[in-house]
PDB file of N, CA and C in Angstrom:
ATOM      1  N   MET A   1      28.712  -3.356  -9.410  1.00  0.00           N
ATOM      2  CA  MET A   1      29.770  -3.612 -10.364  1.00  0.00           C
ATOM      3  C   MET A   1      29.660  -5.074 -10.819  1.00  0.00           C
ATOM      4  N   PRO A   2      29.745  -5.321 -12.133  1.00  0.00           N
ATOM      5  CA  PRO A   2      29.627  -6.701 -12.613  1.00  0.00           C
ATOM      6  C   PRO A   2      30.854  -7.528 -12.250  1.00  0.00           C
ATOM      7  N   GLU A   3      30.631  -8.817 -12.081  1.00  0.00           N
ATOM      8  CA  GLU A   3      31.734  -9.728 -11.808  1.00  0.00           C
ATOM      9  C   GLU A   3      32.543  -9.946 -13.078  1.00  0.00           C
ATOM     10  N   VAL A   4      33.846  -9.903 -12.948  1.00  0.00           N
ATOM     11  CA  VAL A   4      34.722 -10.154 -14.091  1.00  0.00           C
ATOM     12  C   VAL A   4      35.673 -11.283 -13.729  1.00  0.00           C
ATOM     13  N   PRO A   5      35.957 -12.156 -14.680  1.00  0.00           N
ATOM     14  CA  PRO A   5      36.871 -13.261 -14.368  1.00  0.00           C
ATOM     15  C   PRO A   5      38.297 -12.767 -14.179  1.00  0.00           C
ATOM     16  N   ALA A   6      39.029 -13.456 -13.335  1.00  0.00           N
ATOM     17  CA  ALA A   6      40.437 -13.129 -13.104  1.00  0.00           C
ATOM     18  C   ALA A   6      41.254 -13.473 -14.340  1.00  0.00           C
ATOM     19  N   LEU A   7      42.273 -12.689 -14.602  1.00  0.00           N
ATOM     20  CA  LEU A   7      43.161 -12.942 -15.737  1.00  0.00           C
ATOM     21  C   LEU A   7      44.409 -13.706 -15.331  1.00  0.00           C
ATOM     22  N   THR A   8      44.528 -14.026 -14.058  1.00  0.00           N
ATOM     23  CA  THR A   8      45.681 -14.764 -13.566  1.00  0.00           C
ATOM     24  C   THR A   8      45.756 -16.128 -14.252  1.00  0.00           C
ATOM     25  N   GLY A   9      46.856 -16.370 -14.942  1.00  0.00           N
ATOM     26  CA  GLY A   9      47.062 -17.654 -15.596  1.00  0.00           C
ATOM     27  C   GLY A   9      46.259 -17.867 -16.868  1.00  0.00           C
ATOM     28  N   ILE A  10      45.677 -16.811 -17.415  1.00  0.00           N
ATOM     29  CA  ILE A  10      44.814 -16.951 -18.596  1.00  0.00           C
ATOM     30  C   ILE A  10      45.578 -17.501 -19.798  1.00  0.00           C
ATOM     31  N   ILE A  11      46.846 -17.142 -19.967  1.00  0.00           N
ATOM     32  CA  ILE A  11      47.633 -17.637 -21.100  1.00  0.00           C
ATOM     33  C   ILE A  11      47.839 -19.145 -20.978  1.00  0.00           C
ATOM     34  N   SER A  12      48.149 -19.627 -19.779  1.00  0.00           N
ATOM     35  CA  SER A  12      48.367 -21.072 -19.613  1.00  0.00           C
ATOM     36  C   SER A  12      47.052 -21.843 -19.671  1.00  0.00           C
ATOM     37  N   LYS A  13      45.943 -21.220 -19.292  1.00  0.00           N
ATOM     38  CA  LYS A  13      44.644 -21.898 -19.316  1.00  0.00           C
ATOM     39  C   LYS A  13      44.049 -21.959 -20.717  1.00  0.00           C
ATOM     40  N   ARG A  14      44.132 -20.853 -21.456  1.00  0.00           N
ATOM     41  CA  ARG A  14      43.472 -20.778 -22.764  1.00  0.00           C
ATOM     42  C   ARG A  14      44.436 -20.748 -23.941  1.00  0.00           C
ATOM     43  N   GLY A  15      45.672 -20.378 -23.692  1.00  0.00           N
ATOM     44  CA  GLY A  15      46.642 -20.254 -24.770  1.00  0.00           C
ATOM     45  C   GLY A  15      46.634 -18.843 -25.350  1.00  0.00           C
ATOM     46  N   ALA A  16      47.779 -18.423 -25.851  1.00  0.00           N
ATOM     47  CA  ALA A  16      47.933 -17.069 -26.368  1.00  0.00           C
ATOM     48  C   ALA A  16      47.020 -16.810 -27.567  1.00  0.00           C
ATOM     49  N   ASP A  17      46.844 -17.816 -28.433  1.00  0.00           N
ATOM     50  CA  ASP A  17      45.977 -17.630 -29.611  1.00  0.00           C
ATOM     51  C   ASP A  17      44.549 -17.322 -29.197  1.00  0.00           C
ATOM     52  N   GLN A  18      44.021 -18.066 -28.237  1.00  0.00           N
ATOM     53  CA  GLN A  18      42.646 -17.848 -27.770  1.00  0.00           C
ATOM     54  C   GLN A  18      42.486 -16.485 -27.110  1.00  0.00           C
ATOM     55  N   VAL A  19      43.462 -16.106 -26.291  1.00  0.00           N
ATOM     56  CA  VAL A  19      43.397 -14.802 -25.625  1.00  0.00           C
ATOM     57  C   VAL A  19      43.466 -13.686 -26.659  1.00  0.00           C
ATOM     58  N   CYS A  20      44.302 -13.856 -27.657  1.00  0.00           N
ATOM     59  CA  CYS A  20      44.419 -12.868 -28.717  1.00  0.00           C
ATOM     60  C   CYS A  20      43.077 -12.706 -29.438  1.00  0.00           C
ATOM     61  N   LYS A  21      42.434 -13.808 -29.747  1.00  0.00           N
ATOM     62  CA  LYS A  21      41.123 -13.762 -30.407  1.00  0.00           C
ATOM     63  C   LYS A  21      40.097 -13.084 -29.509  1.00  0.00           C
ATOM     64  N   LEU A  22      40.151 -13.371 -28.218  1.00  0.00           N
ATOM     65  CA  LEU A  22      39.246 -12.730 -27.264  1.00  0.00           C
ATOM     66  C   LEU A  22      39.421 -11.217 -27.267  1.00  0.00           C
ATOM     67  N   VAL A  23      40.663 -10.768 -27.285  1.00  0.00           N
ATOM     68  CA  VAL A  23      40.953  -9.333 -27.277  1.00  0.00           C
ATOM     69  C   VAL A  23      40.434  -8.700 -28.572  1.00  0.00           C
ATOM     70  N   HIS A  24      40.678  -9.347 -29.694  1.00  0.00           N
ATOM     71  CA  HIS A  24      40.254  -8.808 -30.988  1.00  0.00           C
ATOM     72  C   HIS A  24      38.740  -8.811 -31.157  1.00  0.00           C
ATOM     73  N   ASN A  25      38.078  -9.883 -30.732  1.00  0.00           N
ATOM     74  CA  ASN A  25      36.655 -10.049 -31.016  1.00  0.00           C
ATOM     75  C   ASN A  25      35.733  -9.712 -29.852  1.00  0.00           C
ATOM     76  N   GLY A  26      36.253  -9.738 -28.638  1.00  0.00           N
ATOM     77  CA  GLY A  26      35.400  -9.562 -27.473  1.00  0.00           C
ATOM     78  C   GLY A  26      34.603 -10.831 -27.216  1.00  0.00           C
ATOM     79  N   GLN A  27      33.943 -10.878 -26.072  1.00  0.00           N
ATOM     80  CA  GLN A  27      33.095 -12.022 -25.740  1.00  0.00           C
ATOM     81  C   GLN A  27      32.275 -11.667 -24.514  1.00  0.00           C
ATOM     82  N   GLY A  28      31.007 -11.990 -24.531  1.00  0.00           N
ATOM     83  CA  GLY A  28      30.143 -11.690 -23.392  1.00  0.00           C
ATOM     84  C   GLY A  28      30.146 -10.190 -23.117  1.00  0.00           C
ATOM     85  N   GLN A  29      30.462  -9.803 -21.905  1.00  0.00           N
ATOM     86  CA  GLN A  29      30.485  -8.391 -21.527  1.00  0.00           C
ATOM     87  C   GLN A  29      31.773  -7.690 -21.945  1.00  0.00           C
ATOM     88  N   MET A  30      32.776  -8.445 -22.370  1.00  0.00           N
ATOM     89  CA  MET A  30      34.035  -7.826 -22.780  1.00  0.00           C
ATOM     90  C   MET A  30      33.915  -7.303 -24.207  1.00  0.00           C
ATOM     91  N   PRO A  31      34.188  -6.029 -24.406  1.00  0.00           N
ATOM     92  CA  PRO A  31      34.117  -5.477 -25.763  1.00  0.00           C
ATOM     93  C   PRO A  31      35.323  -5.891 -26.601  1.00  0.00           C
ATOM     94  N   SER A  32      35.224  -5.680 -27.884  1.00  0.00           N
ATOM     95  CA  SER A  32      36.321  -5.934 -28.806  1.00  0.00           C
ATOM     96  C   SER A  32      37.369  -4.827 -28.672  1.00  0.00           C
ATOM     97  N   PHE A  33      38.615  -5.207 -28.777  1.00  0.00           N
ATOM     98  CA  PHE A  33      39.714  -4.243 -28.792  1.00  0.00           C
ATOM     99  C   PHE A  33      40.509  -4.414 -30.089  1.00  0.00           C
ATOM    100  N   ALA A  34      39.785  -4.540 -31.195  1.00  0.00           N
ATOM    101  CA  ALA A  34      40.391  -4.782 -32.503  1.00  0.00           C
ATOM    102  C   ALA A  34      41.290  -3.634 -32.951  1.00  0.00           C
ATOM    103  N   ARG A  35      41.117  -2.465 -32.357  1.00  0.00           N
ATOM    104  CA  ARG A  35      41.928  -1.308 -32.763  1.00  0.00           C
ATOM    105  C   ARG A  35      43.356  -1.352 -32.223  1.00  0.00           C
ATOM    106  N   LEU A  36      43.645  -2.283 -31.316  1.00  0.00           N
ATOM    107  CA  LEU A  36      44.997  -2.394 -30.775  1.00  0.00           C
ATOM    108  C   LEU A  36      45.945  -2.906 -31.847  1.00  0.00           C
ATOM    109  N   SER A  37      47.142  -2.353 -31.869  1.00  0.00           N
ATOM    110  CA  SER A  37      48.159  -2.783 -32.843  1.00  0.00           C
ATOM    111  C   SER A  37      48.724  -4.147 -32.430  1.00  0.00           C
ATOM    112  N   GLU A  38      49.448  -4.775 -33.345  1.00  0.00           N
ATOM    113  CA  GLU A  38      50.085  -6.050 -33.049  1.00  0.00           C
ATOM    114  C   GLU A  38      51.062  -5.894 -31.887  1.00  0.00           C
ATOM    115  N   LEU A  39      51.784  -4.774 -31.855  1.00  0.00           N
ATOM    116  CA  LEU A  39      52.729  -4.516 -30.770  1.00  0.00           C
ATOM    117  C   LEU A  39      51.996  -4.403 -29.430  1.00  0.00           C
ATOM    118  N   GLU A  40      50.879  -3.696 -29.408  1.00  0.00           N
ATOM    119  CA  GLU A  40      50.111  -3.561 -28.166  1.00  0.00           C
ATOM    120  C   GLU A  40      49.567  -4.907 -27.701  1.00  0.00           C
ATOM    121  N   ILE A  41      49.083  -5.701 -28.634  1.00  0.00           N
ATOM    122  CA  ILE A  41      48.591  -7.044 -28.291  1.00  0.00           C
ATOM    123  C   ILE A  41      49.740  -7.899 -27.757  1.00  0.00           C
ATOM    124  N   ASP A  42      50.884  -7.825 -28.410  1.00  0.00           N
ATOM    125  CA  ASP A  42      52.050  -8.582 -27.975  1.00  0.00           C
ATOM    126  C   ASP A  42      52.441  -8.187 -26.557  1.00  0.00           C
ATOM    127  N   ARG A  43      52.436  -6.903 -26.271  1.00  0.00           N
ATOM    128  CA  ARG A  43      52.785  -6.437 -24.920  1.00  0.00           C
ATOM    129  C   ARG A  43      51.756  -6.887 -23.894  1.00  0.00           C
ATOM    130  N   LEU A  44      50.484  -6.869 -24.268  1.00  0.00           N
ATOM    131  CA  LEU A  44      49.434  -7.340 -23.361  1.00  0.00           C
ATOM    132  C   LEU A  44      49.611  -8.826 -23.067  1.00  0.00           C
ATOM    133  N   LEU A  45      49.842  -9.619 -24.104  1.00  0.00           N
ATOM    134  CA  LEU A  45      50.039 -11.059 -23.912  1.00  0.00           C
ATOM    135  C   LEU A  45      51.285 -11.332 -23.084  1.00  0.00           C
ATOM    136  N   THR A  46      52.343 -10.556 -23.303  1.00  0.00           N
ATOM    137  CA  THR A  46      53.567 -10.707 -22.508  1.00  0.00           C
ATOM    138  C   THR A  46      53.278 -10.418 -21.041  1.00  0.00           C
ATOM    139  N   PHE A  47      52.521  -9.353 -20.776  1.00  0.00           N
ATOM    140  CA  PHE A  47      52.160  -9.011 -19.398  1.00  0.00           C
ATOM    141  C   PHE A  47      51.310 -10.116 -18.770  1.00  0.00           C
ATOM    142  N   LEU A  48      50.332 -10.613 -19.514  1.00  0.00           N
ATOM    143  CA  LEU A  48      49.460 -11.646 -18.968  1.00  0.00           C
ATOM    144  C   LEU A  48      50.222 -12.943 -18.716  1.00  0.00           C
ATOM    145  N   ARG A  49      51.243 -13.209 -19.524  1.00  0.00           N
ATOM    146  CA  ARG A  49      52.066 -14.401 -19.339  1.00  0.00           C
ATOM    147  C   ARG A  49      52.962 -14.247 -18.117  1.00  0.00           C
ATOM    148  N   ASP A  50      53.583 -13.058 -17.962  1.00  0.00           N
ATOM    149  CA  ASP A  50      54.537 -12.837 -16.867  1.00  0.00           C
ATOM    150  C   ASP A  50      54.616 -11.344 -16.563  1.00  0.00           C
ATOM    151  N   PRO A  51      53.805 -10.853 -15.626  1.00  0.00           N
ATOM    152  CA  PRO A  51      53.791  -9.412 -15.327  1.00  0.00           C
ATOM    153  C   PRO A  51      55.159  -8.837 -14.998  1.00  0.00           C
ATOM    154  N   ALA A  52      56.006  -9.582 -14.296  1.00  0.00           N
ATOM    155  CA  ALA A  52      57.335  -9.072 -13.938  1.00  0.00           C
ATOM    156  C   ALA A  52      58.194  -8.872 -15.179  1.00  0.00           C
ATOM    157  N   ALA A  53      58.111  -9.781 -16.142  1.00  0.00           N
ATOM    158  CA  ALA A  53      58.901  -9.663 -17.368  1.00  0.00           C
ATOM    159  C   ALA A  53      58.433  -8.475 -18.197  1.00  0.00           C
ATOM    160  N   ALA A  54      57.151  -8.192 -18.171  1.00  0.00           N
ATOM    161  CA  ALA A  54      56.599  -7.088 -18.961  1.00  0.00           C
ATOM    162  C   ALA A  54      57.075  -5.737 -18.453  1.00  0.00           C
ATOM    163  N   GLU A  55      57.513  -5.676 -17.199  1.00  0.00           N
ATOM    164  CA  GLU A  55      57.976  -4.416 -16.637  1.00  0.00           C
ATOM    165  C   GLU A  55      59.388  -4.068 -17.082  1.00  0.00           C
ATOM    166  N   SER A  56      60.125  -5.023 -17.623  1.00  0.00           N
ATOM    167  CA  SER A  56      61.478  -4.736 -18.072  1.00  0.00           C
ATOM    168  C   SER A  56      61.438  -3.882 -19.334  1.00  0.00           C
ATOM    169  N   LYS A  57      62.536  -3.236 -19.628  1.00  0.00           N
ATOM    170  CA  LYS A  57      62.595  -2.350 -20.795  1.00  0.00           C
ATOM    171  C   LYS A  57      62.491  -3.118 -22.098  1.00  0.00           C
ATOM    172  N   SER A  58      62.934  -4.371 -22.127  1.00  0.00           N
ATOM    173  CA  SER A  58      62.861  -5.164 -23.352  1.00  0.00           C
ATOM    174  C   SER A  58      62.304  -6.545 -23.020  1.00  0.00           C
ATOM    175  N   PRO A  59      60.972  -6.648 -22.826  1.00  0.00           N
ATOM    176  CA  PRO A  59      60.392  -7.939 -22.479  1.00  0.00           C
ATOM    177  C   PRO A  59      60.576  -8.939 -23.615  1.00  0.00           C
ATOM    178  N   THR A  60      60.642 -10.205 -23.242  1.00  0.00           N
ATOM    179  CA  THR A  60      60.767 -11.266 -24.238  1.00  0.00           C
ATOM    180  C   THR A  60      59.411 -11.451 -24.911  1.00  0.00           C
ATOM    181  N   PRO A  61      59.334 -11.214 -26.221  1.00  0.00           N
ATOM    182  CA  PRO A  61      58.051 -11.358 -26.901  1.00  0.00           C
ATOM    183  C   PRO A  61      57.657 -12.820 -27.027  1.00  0.00           C
ATOM    184  N   LEU A  62      56.366 -13.048 -27.209  1.00  0.00           N
ATOM    185  CA  LEU A  62      55.886 -14.400 -27.453  1.00  0.00           C
ATOM    186  C   LEU A  62      56.352 -14.860 -28.818  1.00  0.00           C
ATOM    187  N   PRO A  63      56.496 -16.151 -29.031  1.00  0.00           N
ATOM    188  CA  PRO A  63      56.862 -16.627 -30.373  1.00  0.00           C
ATOM    189  C   PRO A  63      55.808 -16.196 -31.385  1.00  0.00           C
ATOM    190  N   SER A  64      56.209 -15.963 -32.621  1.00  0.00           N
ATOM    191  CA  SER A  64      55.275 -15.466 -33.630  1.00  0.00           C
ATOM    192  C   SER A  64      54.084 -16.392 -33.823  1.00  0.00           C
ATOM    193  N   ALA A  65      54.244 -17.671 -33.585  1.00  0.00           N
ATOM    194  CA  ALA A  65      53.138 -18.616 -33.725  1.00  0.00           C
ATOM    195  C   ALA A  65      52.062 -18.360 -32.674  1.00  0.00           C
ATOM    196  N   ALA A  66      52.430 -17.707 -31.573  1.00  0.00           N
ATOM    197  CA  ALA A  66      51.477 -17.453 -30.504  1.00  0.00           C
ATOM    198  C   ALA A  66      50.717 -16.148 -30.698  1.00  0.00           C
ATOM    199  N   ARG A  67      51.075 -15.399 -31.706  1.00  0.00           N
ATOM    200  CA  ARG A  67      50.389 -14.133 -31.975  1.00  0.00           C
ATOM    201  C   ARG A  67      49.189 -14.371 -32.862  1.00  0.00           C
ATOM    202  N   CYS A  68      48.249 -13.445 -32.815  1.00  0.00           N
ATOM    203  CA  CYS A  68      47.058 -13.606 -33.654  1.00  0.00           C
ATOM    204  C   CYS A  68      47.202 -12.848 -34.961  1.00  0.00           C
TER     205      CYS A  68
END
C-alpha cells in the first residue's frame, strides 16, 4: 500500500484555498475530484478543519473567501 500523507491539520498548514485547489486538481498520486459540488467541497473542508463540528447537523461553513 502506498504511503499517504496525514490530513491532520491540513487546513491550518496549507490553508483552505490550497486544499480546495488540491481537491479540484489533484497532485502526485492523488486524483482530481473536480466533480464534487461546492457544497461537498465545503463539507470536506469543514470536516478537515474540525471533524467534531462536521458531525453536527448544521456545521459552521467556512467563510466564502476560503472556498475555491
